[in-house]
Amino acid sequence: MLDPFAGVGGNVIQFAATCGRIVAGELSPDRASLIRHNAAVYEVAERVEVRCSDFWETTRHVKVRTPTAGAQQGCLSQPSKFHTLSPGAV
């Protein structure tokens, strides 16, 4: 799971507690530090990867899987990558 605008980690903590591993992106070093702190307080730090970067850097190596008809059987489509987008295209 990915939260590219994580703030201080409120959603990140909930997603980590219920969904497993999450990548949290935050541009502010102070807020990124608070994500790490809050994840430790709520005992989900081992499931949270914090990236202190902008959206494009945060998502550079993230593979996105989108549900297909096979999702009902637990299968997902082939991964795509955010890096194929460009900031000017959005």
C-alpha atoms as a PDB file:
ATOM      1  CA  MET A   1       0.000   0.000   0.000  1.00  0.00           C
ATOM      2  CA  LEU A   2       1.150   3.543  -0.658  1.00  0.00           C
ATOM      3  CA  ASP A   3       0.350   6.857   1.032  1.00  0.00           C
ATOM      4  CA  PRO A   4       2.382   9.437  -0.920  1.00  0.00           C
ATOM      5  CA  PHE A   5       1.149  12.400   1.156  1.00  0.00           C
ATOM      6  CA  ALA A   6       1.387  10.854   4.615  1.00  0.00           C
ATOM      7  CA  GLY A   7       1.479  13.897   6.893  1.00  0.00           C
ATOM      8  CA  VAL A   8       2.292  12.595  10.379  1.00  0.00           C
ATOM      9  CA  GLY A   9       1.046   9.086   9.643  1.00  0.00           C
ATOM     10  CA  GLY A  10      -2.550   8.782  10.842  1.00  0.00           C
ATOM     11  CA  ASN A  11      -3.678   6.815   7.796  1.00  0.00           C
ATOM     12  CA  VAL A  12      -0.324   5.060   7.526  1.00  0.00           C
ATOM     13  CA  ILE A  13      -0.718   3.584  11.007  1.00  0.00           C
ATOM     14  CA  GLN A  14      -4.245   2.363  10.321  1.00  0.00           C
ATOM     15  CA  PHE A  15      -3.250   0.837   6.986  1.00  0.00           C
ATOM     16  CA  ALA A  16      -0.190  -0.837   8.529  1.00  0.00           C
ATOM     17  CA  ALA A  17      -2.313  -2.268  11.339  1.00  0.00           C
ATOM     18  CA  THR A  18      -4.910  -3.701   8.951  1.00  0.00           C
ATOM     19  CA  CYS A  19      -3.251  -4.173   5.556  1.00  0.00           C
ATOM     20  CA  GLY A  20       0.350  -5.028   6.301  1.00  0.00           C
ATOM     21  CA  ARG A  21       3.272  -3.214   4.693  1.00  0.00           C
ATOM     22  CA  ILE A  22       2.910   0.420   3.624  1.00  0.00           C
ATOM     23  CA  VAL A  23       5.188   2.969   1.978  1.00  0.00           C
ATOM     24  CA  ALA A  24       4.707   6.465   3.409  1.00  0.00           C
ATOM     25  CA  GLY A  25       5.930   9.451   1.450  1.00  0.00           C
ATOM     26  CA  GLU A  26       6.317  12.850   3.067  1.00  0.00           C
ATOM     27  CA  LEU A  27       8.212  15.898   1.815  1.00  0.00           C
ATOM     28  CA  SER A  28       8.809  17.423   5.268  1.00  0.00           C
ATOM     29  CA  PRO A  29      11.671  15.836   7.256  1.00  0.00           C
ATOM     30  CA  ASP A  30       9.916  16.825  10.510  1.00  0.00           C
ATOM     31  CA  ARG A  31       6.678  15.089   9.521  1.00  0.00           C
ATOM     32  CA  ALA A  32       8.607  12.053   8.213  1.00  0.00           C
ATOM     33  CA  SER A  33      10.257  11.791  11.626  1.00  0.00           C
ATOM     34  CA  LEU A  34       6.835  11.978  13.282  1.00  0.00           C
ATOM     35  CA  ILE A  35       5.578   9.144  11.071  1.00  0.00           C
ATOM     36  CA  ARG A  36       8.422   6.943  12.337  1.00  0.00           C
ATOM     37  CA  HIS A  37       7.735   7.979  15.931  1.00  0.00           C
ATOM     38  CA  ASN A  38       3.973   7.414  15.675  1.00  0.00           C
ATOM     39  CA  ALA A  39       4.437   4.056  13.945  1.00  0.00           C
ATOM     40  CA  ALA A  40       6.668   2.960  16.844  1.00  0.00           C
ATOM     41  CA  VAL A  41       4.125   4.173  19.426  1.00  0.00           C
ATOM     42  CA  TYR A  42       1.399   2.103  17.736  1.00  0.00           C
ATOM     43  CA  GLU A  43       3.745  -0.882  17.276  1.00  0.00           C
ATOM     44  CA  VAL A  44       3.585  -1.017  13.476  1.00  0.00           C
ATOM     45  CA  ALA A  45       7.047   0.416  12.703  1.00  0.00           C
ATOM     46  CA  GLU A  46       8.289  -2.824  11.141  1.00  0.00           C
ATOM     47  CA  ARG A  47       5.518  -2.562   8.513  1.00  0.00           C
ATOM     48  CA  VAL A  48       6.093   1.119   7.613  1.00  0.00           C
ATOM     49  CA  GLU A  49       8.696   2.345   5.142  1.00  0.00           C
ATOM     50  CA  VAL A  50       9.050   6.137   5.325  1.00  0.00           C
ATOM     51  CA  ARG A  51      10.429   7.994   2.316  1.00  0.00           C
ATOM     52  CA  CYS A  52      11.230  11.667   2.843  1.00  0.00           C
ATOM     53  CA  SER A  53      10.615  12.784  -0.725  1.00  0.00           C
ATOM     54  CA  ASP A  54       8.105  14.289  -3.123  1.00  0.00           C
ATOM     55  CA  PHE A  55       5.405  12.262  -4.885  1.00  0.00           C
ATOM     56  CA  TRP A  56       7.510  11.470  -7.944  1.00  0.00           C
ATOM     57  CA  GLU A  57      10.507  10.257  -5.955  1.00  0.00           C
ATOM     58  CA  THR A  58       8.317   8.338  -3.490  1.00  0.00           C
ATOM     59  CA  THR A  59       6.606   6.427  -6.284  1.00  0.00           C
ATOM     60  CA  ARG A  60       9.644   5.951  -8.541  1.00  0.00           C
ATOM     61  CA  HIS A  61      10.136   2.256  -7.672  1.00  0.00           C
ATOM     62  CA  VAL A  62       6.626   1.384  -6.534  1.00  0.00           C
ATOM     63  CA  LYS A  63       4.807  -1.218  -8.576  1.00  0.00           C
ATOM     64  CA  VAL A  64       1.067  -0.714  -8.857  1.00  0.00           C
ATOM     65  CA  ARG A  65      -1.282  -3.634  -9.155  1.00  0.00           C
ATOM     66  CA  THR A  66      -4.810  -3.024 -10.315  1.00  0.00           C
ATOM     67  CA  PRO A  67      -7.647  -5.499  -9.817  1.00  0.00           C
ATOM     68  CA  THR A  68      -8.875  -7.381 -12.852  1.00  0.00           C
ATOM     69  CA  ALA A  69     -11.541  -9.989 -13.373  1.00  0.00           C
ATOM     70  CA  GLY A  70      -9.062 -12.447 -11.858  1.00  0.00           C
ATOM     71  CA  ALA A  71      -9.078 -10.493  -8.595  1.00  0.00           C
ATOM     72  CA  GLN A  72     -12.010 -12.591  -7.394  1.00  0.00           C
ATOM     73  CA  GLN A  73      -9.693 -15.608  -7.433  1.00  0.00           C
ATOM     74  CA  GLY A  74      -6.961 -13.678  -5.625  1.00  0.00           C
ATOM     75  CA  CYS A  75      -5.031 -12.827  -8.804  1.00  0.00           C
ATOM     76  CA  LEU A  76      -3.954  -9.347  -9.799  1.00  0.00           C
ATOM     77  CA  SER A  77      -2.935  -7.887 -13.129  1.00  0.00           C
ATOM     78  CA  GLN A  78       0.624  -7.235 -14.175  1.00  0.00           C
ATOM     79  CA  PRO A  79       2.282  -4.388 -12.256  1.00  0.00           C
ATOM     80  CA  SER A  80       2.658  -0.975 -13.816  1.00  0.00           C
ATOM     81  CA  LYS A  81       4.991   1.771 -12.641  1.00  0.00           C
ATOM     82  CA  PHE A  82       4.312   5.371 -11.685  1.00  0.00           C
ATOM     83  CA  HIS A  83       7.646   6.404 -13.178  1.00  0.00           C
ATOM     84  CA  THR A  84       6.139   6.050 -16.640  1.00  0.00           C
ATOM     85  CA  LEU A  85       4.168   9.208 -15.808  1.00  0.00           C
ATOM     86  CA  SER A  86       5.728  12.626 -15.901  1.00  0.00           C
ATOM     87  CA  PRO A  87       4.920  15.566 -13.631  1.00  0.00           C
ATOM     88  CA  GLY A  88       3.829  17.670 -16.606  1.00  0.00           C
ATOM     89  CA  ALA A  89       1.371  15.008 -17.777  1.00  0.00           C
ATOM     90  CA  VAL A  90      -0.813  15.193 -14.684  1.00  0.00           C
END
